[in-house]
Amino acid sequence: LATLEAGLDPACKNINQVLAERLMEYDITRSVEMIKGQRRKEQYKALVGLGWTHPRKFDTFL
């Protein structure tokens, strides 16, 4: 999830809906509410921040 979000434009609106759609491409079903819950966590925010600042390092988490 963090990998997908890090790949999005930070100005993207409706990020939760976009992430839900992207996850479906991988046959992963998550509700928007579940995604919101994950995105609130500090650890998740740190992972997304790492992906935006160091994309090559972030690829190792895939």
C-alpha atoms as a PDB file:
ATOM      1  CA  LEU A   1       0.000   0.000   0.000  1.00  0.00           C
ATOM      2  CA  ALA A   2       2.776   2.424   0.922  1.00  0.00           C
ATOM      3  CA  THR A   3       4.596   1.533  -2.296  1.00  0.00           C
ATOM      4  CA  LEU A   4       1.528   2.381  -4.349  1.00  0.00           C
ATOM      5  CA  GLU A   5       0.957   5.646  -2.502  1.00  0.00           C
ATOM      6  CA  ALA A   6       4.592   6.690  -2.873  1.00  0.00           C
ATOM      7  CA  GLY A   7       4.176   6.255  -6.627  1.00  0.00           C
ATOM      8  CA  LEU A   8       1.234   8.659  -6.760  1.00  0.00           C
ATOM      9  CA  ASP A   9       1.435  12.376  -7.356  1.00  0.00           C
ATOM     10  CA  PRO A  10       1.308  14.041  -3.901  1.00  0.00           C
ATOM     11  CA  ALA A  11      -1.305  16.460  -5.273  1.00  0.00           C
ATOM     12  CA  CYS A  12      -3.606  13.543  -6.148  1.00  0.00           C
ATOM     13  CA  LYS A  13      -7.133  13.903  -4.782  1.00  0.00           C
ATOM     14  CA  ASN A  14      -9.173  10.948  -3.516  1.00  0.00           C
ATOM     15  CA  ILE A  15      -6.029   9.008  -2.638  1.00  0.00           C
ATOM     16  CA  ASN A  16      -7.963   6.394  -0.670  1.00  0.00           C
ATOM     17  CA  GLN A  17     -10.201   5.587  -3.645  1.00  0.00           C
ATOM     18  CA  VAL A  18      -7.251   5.522  -6.042  1.00  0.00           C
ATOM     19  CA  LEU A  19      -5.363   3.164  -3.738  1.00  0.00           C
ATOM     20  CA  ALA A  20      -8.399   0.862  -3.472  1.00  0.00           C
ATOM     21  CA  GLU A  21      -8.584   0.707  -7.278  1.00  0.00           C
ATOM     22  CA  ARG A  22      -4.845   0.061  -7.633  1.00  0.00           C
ATOM     23  CA  LEU A  23      -4.993  -2.747  -5.060  1.00  0.00           C
ATOM     24  CA  MET A  24      -7.779  -4.394  -7.061  1.00  0.00           C
ATOM     25  CA  GLU A  25      -5.337  -4.643  -9.986  1.00  0.00           C
ATOM     26  CA  TYR A  26      -3.347  -7.030  -7.759  1.00  0.00           C
ATOM     27  CA  ASP A  27      -6.486  -8.948  -6.708  1.00  0.00           C
ATOM     28  CA  ILE A  28      -6.325  -7.367  -3.252  1.00  0.00           C
ATOM     29  CA  THR A  29      -9.621  -6.067  -1.916  1.00  0.00           C
ATOM     30  CA  ARG A  30      -9.493  -3.407   0.777  1.00  0.00           C
ATOM     31  CA  SER A  31     -12.264  -0.998   1.705  1.00  0.00           C
ATOM     32  CA  VAL A  32     -11.642   2.717   1.731  1.00  0.00           C
ATOM     33  CA  GLU A  33     -12.128   2.638   5.518  1.00  0.00           C
ATOM     34  CA  MET A  34      -9.400  -0.005   5.889  1.00  0.00           C
ATOM     35  CA  ILE A  35      -7.051   2.080   3.760  1.00  0.00           C
ATOM     36  CA  LYS A  36      -7.810   5.179   5.847  1.00  0.00           C
ATOM     37  CA  GLY A  37      -6.909   3.250   8.992  1.00  0.00           C
ATOM     38  CA  GLN A  38      -3.541   2.190   7.598  1.00  0.00           C
ATOM     39  CA  ARG A  39      -2.735   5.667   6.312  1.00  0.00           C
ATOM     40  CA  ARG A  40      -3.263   7.177   9.790  1.00  0.00           C
ATOM     41  CA  LYS A  41      -0.442   5.136  11.338  1.00  0.00           C
ATOM     42  CA  GLU A  42       2.885   6.905  11.896  1.00  0.00           C
ATOM     43  CA  GLN A  43       4.867   3.882  10.683  1.00  0.00           C
ATOM     44  CA  TYR A  44       2.929   3.912   7.399  1.00  0.00           C
ATOM     45  CA  LYS A  45       3.521   7.648   6.952  1.00  0.00           C
ATOM     46  CA  ALA A  46       7.238   7.075   7.468  1.00  0.00           C
ATOM     47  CA  LEU A  47       7.279   4.367   4.779  1.00  0.00           C
ATOM     48  CA  VAL A  48       5.494   6.610   2.299  1.00  0.00           C
ATOM     49  CA  GLY A  49       7.908   9.437   3.096  1.00  0.00           C
ATOM     50  CA  LEU A  50      10.839   7.103   2.521  1.00  0.00           C
ATOM     51  CA  GLY A  51       9.377   6.137  -0.840  1.00  0.00           C
ATOM     52  CA  TRP A  52       9.051   9.761  -1.922  1.00  0.00           C
ATOM     53  CA  THR A  53      12.564  10.742  -0.854  1.00  0.00           C
ATOM     54  CA  HIS A  54      14.493   7.529  -1.668  1.00  0.00           C
ATOM     55  CA  PRO A  55      12.586   5.602  -4.368  1.00  0.00           C
ATOM     56  CA  ARG A  56      15.411   3.110  -5.035  1.00  0.00           C
ATOM     57  CA  LYS A  57      15.760   2.155  -1.365  1.00  0.00           C
ATOM     58  CA  PHE A  58      12.005   1.798  -1.120  1.00  0.00           C
ATOM     59  CA  ASP A  59      11.960  -0.811  -3.907  1.00  0.00           C
ATOM     60  CA  THR A  60      13.610  -3.268  -1.526  1.00  0.00           C
ATOM     61  CA  PHE A  61      10.365  -3.428   0.476  1.00  0.00           C
ATOM     62  CA  LEU A  62       8.418  -4.861  -2.482  1.00  0.00           C
END
